[in-house]
Amino acid sequence: MTDSAITKSRKRSIWIPLLVLITLAACATAGYSYWRMQQQPASAAKAEPEPPPAPVFFALDTFTVNLGDADRVLYIGVTLRLQDEATRQRINDYLPEVRSRLLLLFSRQDANVLATDEGKQKLVAAIKETLSPPLVTGQPKQVVTDVLYTAFILR
C-alpha cells in the first residue's frame, strides 16, 4: 500500500466511529427531549391553580322610594354578590329585615347626590355598610362583596 492509501484508510477508520458517536448522541438527545415533553403536561396540570368558586348572587326585588327632598322618586333594583352560600341563606331567611334596612337607607338619600356617578358609588358603600351588621344577635356579620345595580331610575 502506498502512503496515500494508508492515510485514507486511517481517515475512514476515524470518521466511522466519530459518526457513530455523533449519531448516538443525537438519538439520546432526541429521546431525552421527547421524554421531557411527555412529562410536562402532567406536572403542569398539578401546578394550575383551582378555578375560583362560583359567585353567589342574591337578587332583591326593585324598590320604589320617595326621597326626602322635593317630591323625587327613586326606582332601584339591586343584586348582592355575597361571600358564600350560608350568607345567602341568612339573607333569604331574614329578607323582610333586609328590605326594611334598605328602604330606610334609600329614603334618606339626596336626589342631587344620586344623580352623579360618585353618589351611586357612595350608595353602594352605604348598602354594604347597612347590611353588614348581624340580622339577629349571635349570628355572624353578612359579607357583601359587591352591589350591582339592575335598575336605577331617578325622577
C-alpha atoms as a PDB file:
ATOM      1  CA  MET A   1       0.000   0.000   0.000  1.00  0.00           C
ATOM      2  CA  THR A   2       1.038   3.440  -0.662  1.00  0.00           C
ATOM      3  CA  ASP A   3       1.223   6.238   1.868  1.00  0.00           C
ATOM      4  CA  SER A   4      -1.882   7.900   0.486  1.00  0.00           C
ATOM      5  CA  ALA A   5      -3.866   4.650   0.800  1.00  0.00           C
ATOM      6  CA  ILE A   6      -2.773   4.257   4.418  1.00  0.00           C
ATOM      7  CA  THR A   7      -3.826   7.850   5.327  1.00  0.00           C
ATOM      8  CA  LYS A   8      -7.189   7.386   3.560  1.00  0.00           C
ATOM      9  CA  SER A   9      -7.904   4.180   5.479  1.00  0.00           C
ATOM     10  CA  ARG A  10      -6.921   5.900   8.781  1.00  0.00           C
ATOM     11  CA  LYS A  11      -9.152   8.853   7.977  1.00  0.00           C
ATOM     12  CA  ARG A  12     -12.001   6.481   7.191  1.00  0.00           C
ATOM     13  CA  SER A  13     -11.384   4.477  10.336  1.00  0.00           C
ATOM     14  CA  ILE A  14     -11.534   7.689  12.461  1.00  0.00           C
ATOM     15  CA  TRP A  15     -14.672   9.051  10.751  1.00  0.00           C
ATOM     16  CA  ILE A  16     -16.795   5.928  11.149  1.00  0.00           C
ATOM     17  CA  PRO A  17     -16.590   5.748  14.996  1.00  0.00           C
ATOM     18  CA  LEU A  18     -16.927   9.539  15.185  1.00  0.00           C
ATOM     19  CA  LEU A  19     -20.105   9.477  13.078  1.00  0.00           C
ATOM     20  CA  VAL A  20     -21.473   6.594  15.166  1.00  0.00           C
ATOM     21  CA  LEU A  21     -20.840   8.596  18.377  1.00  0.00           C
ATOM     22  CA  ILE A  22     -22.486  11.708  16.930  1.00  0.00           C
ATOM     23  CA  THR A  23     -25.498   9.646  15.808  1.00  0.00           C
ATOM     24  CA  LEU A  24     -25.821   8.027  19.238  1.00  0.00           C
ATOM     25  CA  ALA A  25     -25.565  11.420  20.958  1.00  0.00           C
ATOM     26  CA  ALA A  26     -28.237  12.885  18.660  1.00  0.00           C
ATOM     27  CA  CYS A  27     -30.550   9.907  19.276  1.00  0.00           C
ATOM     28  CA  ALA A  28     -30.030  10.165  23.035  1.00  0.00           C
ATOM     29  CA  THR A  29     -30.755  13.923  22.985  1.00  0.00           C
ATOM     30  CA  ALA A  30     -33.899  13.404  20.901  1.00  0.00           C
ATOM     31  CA  GLY A  31     -35.111  10.626  23.205  1.00  0.00           C
ATOM     32  CA  TYR A  32     -34.496  12.722  26.322  1.00  0.00           C
ATOM     33  CA  SER A  33     -36.289  15.723  24.771  1.00  0.00           C
ATOM     34  CA  TYR A  34     -39.278  13.557  23.841  1.00  0.00           C
ATOM     35  CA  TRP A  35     -39.421  12.109  27.358  1.00  0.00           C
ATOM     36  CA  ARG A  36     -39.302  15.608  28.924  1.00  0.00           C
ATOM     37  CA  MET A  37     -42.097  16.844  26.657  1.00  0.00           C
ATOM     38  CA  GLN A  38     -44.255  13.898  27.714  1.00  0.00           C
ATOM     39  CA  GLN A  39     -43.613  14.696  31.392  1.00  0.00           C
ATOM     40  CA  GLN A  40     -44.504  18.433  31.141  1.00  0.00           C
ATOM     41  CA  PRO A  41     -48.319  18.156  30.819  1.00  0.00           C
ATOM     42  CA  ALA A  42     -48.608  16.004  33.938  1.00  0.00           C
ATOM     43  CA  SER A  43     -46.627  18.429  36.086  1.00  0.00           C
ATOM     44  CA  ALA A  44     -48.326  21.477  34.510  1.00  0.00           C
ATOM     45  CA  ALA A  45     -51.768  20.084  35.375  1.00  0.00           C
ATOM     46  CA  LYS A  46     -50.745  19.811  39.024  1.00  0.00           C
ATOM     47  CA  ALA A  47     -49.366  23.346  39.108  1.00  0.00           C
ATOM     48  CA  GLU A  48     -52.535  25.024  37.753  1.00  0.00           C
ATOM     49  CA  PRO A  49     -54.442  26.843  40.474  1.00  0.00           C
ATOM     50  CA  GLU A  50     -58.000  25.809  41.168  1.00  0.00           C
ATOM     51  CA  PRO A  51     -60.630  27.967  39.490  1.00  0.00           C
ATOM     52  CA  PRO A  52     -62.305  30.450  41.810  1.00  0.00           C
ATOM     53  CA  PRO A  53     -65.601  29.354  43.314  1.00  0.00           C
ATOM     54  CA  ALA A  54     -68.778  30.320  41.512  1.00  0.00           C
ATOM     55  CA  PRO A  55     -70.107  33.673  42.688  1.00  0.00           C
ATOM     56  CA  VAL A  56     -73.127  33.713  44.968  1.00  0.00           C
ATOM     57  CA  PHE A  57     -75.725  36.297  43.932  1.00  0.00           C
ATOM     58  CA  PHE A  58     -78.936  37.344  45.641  1.00  0.00           C
ATOM     59  CA  ALA A  59     -81.355  39.435  43.591  1.00  0.00           C
ATOM     60  CA  LEU A  60     -83.677  41.716  45.526  1.00  0.00           C
ATOM     61  CA  ASP A  61     -87.000  42.926  44.191  1.00  0.00           C
ATOM     62  CA  THR A  62     -86.965  46.509  42.959  1.00  0.00           C
ATOM     63  CA  PHE A  63     -87.599  49.322  45.414  1.00  0.00           C
ATOM     64  CA  THR A  64     -89.693  52.424  44.733  1.00  0.00           C
ATOM     65  CA  VAL A  65     -88.916  55.081  47.323  1.00  0.00           C
ATOM     66  CA  ASN A  66     -89.903  58.704  47.839  1.00  0.00           C
ATOM     67  CA  LEU A  67     -86.787  60.712  48.512  1.00  0.00           C
ATOM     68  CA  GLY A  68     -86.803  63.233  51.331  1.00  0.00           C
ATOM     69  CA  ASP A  69     -86.189  66.255  49.114  1.00  0.00           C
ATOM     70  CA  ALA A  70     -88.605  67.873  46.624  1.00  0.00           C
ATOM     71  CA  ASP A  71     -91.025  65.067  45.734  1.00  0.00           C
ATOM     72  CA  ARG A  72     -88.426  62.944  43.962  1.00  0.00           C
ATOM     73  CA  VAL A  73     -88.872  59.197  43.417  1.00  0.00           C
ATOM     74  CA  LEU A  74     -86.125  56.575  43.238  1.00  0.00           C
ATOM     75  CA  TYR A  75     -86.790  53.279  41.464  1.00  0.00           C
ATOM     76  CA  ILE A  76     -83.867  50.980  42.164  1.00  0.00           C
ATOM     77  CA  GLY A  77     -83.103  47.302  41.668  1.00  0.00           C
ATOM     78  CA  VAL A  78     -80.096  45.683  43.303  1.00  0.00           C
ATOM     79  CA  THR A  79     -78.348  42.330  43.212  1.00  0.00           C
ATOM     80  CA  LEU A  80     -75.958  41.461  46.021  1.00  0.00           C
ATOM     81  CA  ARG A  81     -72.780  39.454  45.472  1.00  0.00           C
ATOM     82  CA  LEU A  82     -72.180  37.507  48.655  1.00  0.00           C
ATOM     83  CA  GLN A  83     -69.236  35.712  50.174  1.00  0.00           C
ATOM     84  CA  ASP A  84     -70.811  32.271  50.493  1.00  0.00           C
ATOM     85  CA  GLU A  85     -73.991  30.234  50.353  1.00  0.00           C
ATOM     86  CA  ALA A  86     -74.536  30.491  54.126  1.00  0.00           C
ATOM     87  CA  THR A  87     -74.770  34.296  53.857  1.00  0.00           C
ATOM     88  CA  ARG A  88     -77.277  33.967  51.011  1.00  0.00           C
ATOM     89  CA  GLN A  89     -79.388  31.640  53.134  1.00  0.00           C
ATOM     90  CA  ARG A  90     -79.308  34.051  56.125  1.00  0.00           C
ATOM     91  CA  ILE A  91     -80.348  36.977  53.940  1.00  0.00           C
ATOM     92  CA  ASN A  92     -83.147  34.895  52.433  1.00  0.00           C
ATOM     93  CA  ASP A  93     -84.366  33.845  55.892  1.00  0.00           C
ATOM     94  CA  TYR A  94     -84.419  37.440  57.172  1.00  0.00           C
ATOM     95  CA  LEU A  95     -85.486  39.101  53.916  1.00  0.00           C
ATOM     96  CA  PRO A  96     -88.098  41.437  55.473  1.00  0.00           C
ATOM     97  CA  GLU A  97     -85.457  42.925  57.770  1.00  0.00           C
ATOM     98  CA  VAL A  98     -83.002  43.303  54.882  1.00  0.00           C
ATOM     99  CA  ARG A  99     -85.627  45.091  52.775  1.00  0.00           C
ATOM    100  CA  SER A 100     -86.559  47.330  55.720  1.00  0.00           C
ATOM    101  CA  ARG A 101     -82.935  48.366  56.255  1.00  0.00           C
ATOM    102  CA  LEU A 102     -82.545  49.165  52.569  1.00  0.00           C
ATOM    103  CA  LEU A 103     -85.835  51.106  52.346  1.00  0.00           C
ATOM    104  CA  LEU A 104     -84.756  53.285  55.259  1.00  0.00           C
ATOM    105  CA  LEU A 105     -81.364  53.837  53.635  1.00  0.00           C
ATOM    106  CA  PHE A 106     -82.838  54.715  50.231  1.00  0.00           C
ATOM    107  CA  SER A 107     -85.416  57.122  51.675  1.00  0.00           C
ATOM    108  CA  ARG A 108     -82.630  59.170  53.342  1.00  0.00           C
ATOM    109  CA  GLN A 109     -80.780  59.777  50.064  1.00  0.00           C
ATOM    110  CA  ASP A 110     -80.489  63.126  48.283  1.00  0.00           C
ATOM    111  CA  ALA A 111     -81.552  63.174  44.611  1.00  0.00           C
ATOM    112  CA  ASN A 112     -78.816  65.643  43.562  1.00  0.00           C
ATOM    113  CA  VAL A 113     -76.099  63.407  45.013  1.00  0.00           C
ATOM    114  CA  LEU A 114     -77.547  60.228  43.454  1.00  0.00           C
ATOM    115  CA  ALA A 115     -77.534  61.858  40.018  1.00  0.00           C
ATOM    116  CA  THR A 116     -73.713  61.644  39.933  1.00  0.00           C
ATOM    117  CA  ASP A 117     -71.548  58.552  39.495  1.00  0.00           C
ATOM    118  CA  GLU A 118     -69.773  59.331  42.751  1.00  0.00           C
ATOM    119  CA  GLY A 119     -73.122  59.403  44.544  1.00  0.00           C
ATOM    120  CA  LYS A 120     -74.013  55.981  43.147  1.00  0.00           C
ATOM    121  CA  GLN A 121     -70.671  54.580  44.332  1.00  0.00           C
ATOM    122  CA  LYS A 122     -71.252  56.055  47.796  1.00  0.00           C
ATOM    123  CA  LEU A 123     -74.675  54.386  47.826  1.00  0.00           C
ATOM    124  CA  VAL A 124     -73.004  51.026  47.058  1.00  0.00           C
ATOM    125  CA  ALA A 125     -70.700  51.528  50.054  1.00  0.00           C
ATOM    126  CA  ALA A 126     -73.670  52.543  52.224  1.00  0.00           C
ATOM    127  CA  ILE A 127     -75.606  49.408  51.206  1.00  0.00           C
ATOM    128  CA  LYS A 128     -72.642  47.210  52.161  1.00  0.00           C
ATOM    129  CA  GLU A 129     -72.343  49.000  55.493  1.00  0.00           C
ATOM    130  CA  THR A 130     -76.099  48.777  56.166  1.00  0.00           C
ATOM    131  CA  LEU A 131     -76.248  45.041  55.507  1.00  0.00           C
ATOM    132  CA  SER A 132     -73.014  44.210  57.330  1.00  0.00           C
ATOM    133  CA  PRO A 133     -74.288  44.042  60.949  1.00  0.00           C
ATOM    134  CA  PRO A 134     -75.807  40.737  62.068  1.00  0.00           C
ATOM    135  CA  LEU A 135     -79.522  40.432  61.407  1.00  0.00           C
ATOM    136  CA  VAL A 136     -80.046  38.721  64.769  1.00  0.00           C
ATOM    137  CA  THR A 137     -77.747  38.749  67.780  1.00  0.00           C
ATOM    138  CA  GLY A 138     -75.489  35.735  67.852  1.00  0.00           C
ATOM    139  CA  GLN A 139     -75.181  35.459  64.078  1.00  0.00           C
ATOM    140  CA  PRO A 140     -72.046  36.392  62.145  1.00  0.00           C
ATOM    141  CA  LYS A 141     -71.861  39.550  60.064  1.00  0.00           C
ATOM    142  CA  GLN A 142     -73.017  39.448  56.460  1.00  0.00           C
ATOM    143  CA  VAL A 143     -70.185  39.890  53.991  1.00  0.00           C
ATOM    144  CA  VAL A 144     -71.481  41.615  50.870  1.00  0.00           C
ATOM    145  CA  THR A 145     -68.591  41.680  48.411  1.00  0.00           C
ATOM    146  CA  ASP A 146     -70.350  43.797  45.771  1.00  0.00           C
ATOM    147  CA  VAL A 147     -73.624  45.537  44.996  1.00  0.00           C
ATOM    148  CA  LEU A 148     -74.800  45.533  41.397  1.00  0.00           C
ATOM    149  CA  TYR A 149     -77.490  47.869  40.099  1.00  0.00           C
ATOM    150  CA  THR A 150     -80.099  46.133  37.949  1.00  0.00           C
ATOM    151  CA  ALA A 151     -82.381  49.164  37.678  1.00  0.00           C
ATOM    152  CA  PHE A 152     -81.832  52.814  38.582  1.00  0.00           C
ATOM    153  CA  ILE A 153     -84.375  55.499  37.736  1.00  0.00           C
ATOM    154  CA  LEU A 154     -84.408  58.845  39.472  1.00  0.00           C
ATOM    155  CA  ARG A 155     -87.489  61.036  38.800  1.00  0.00           C
END
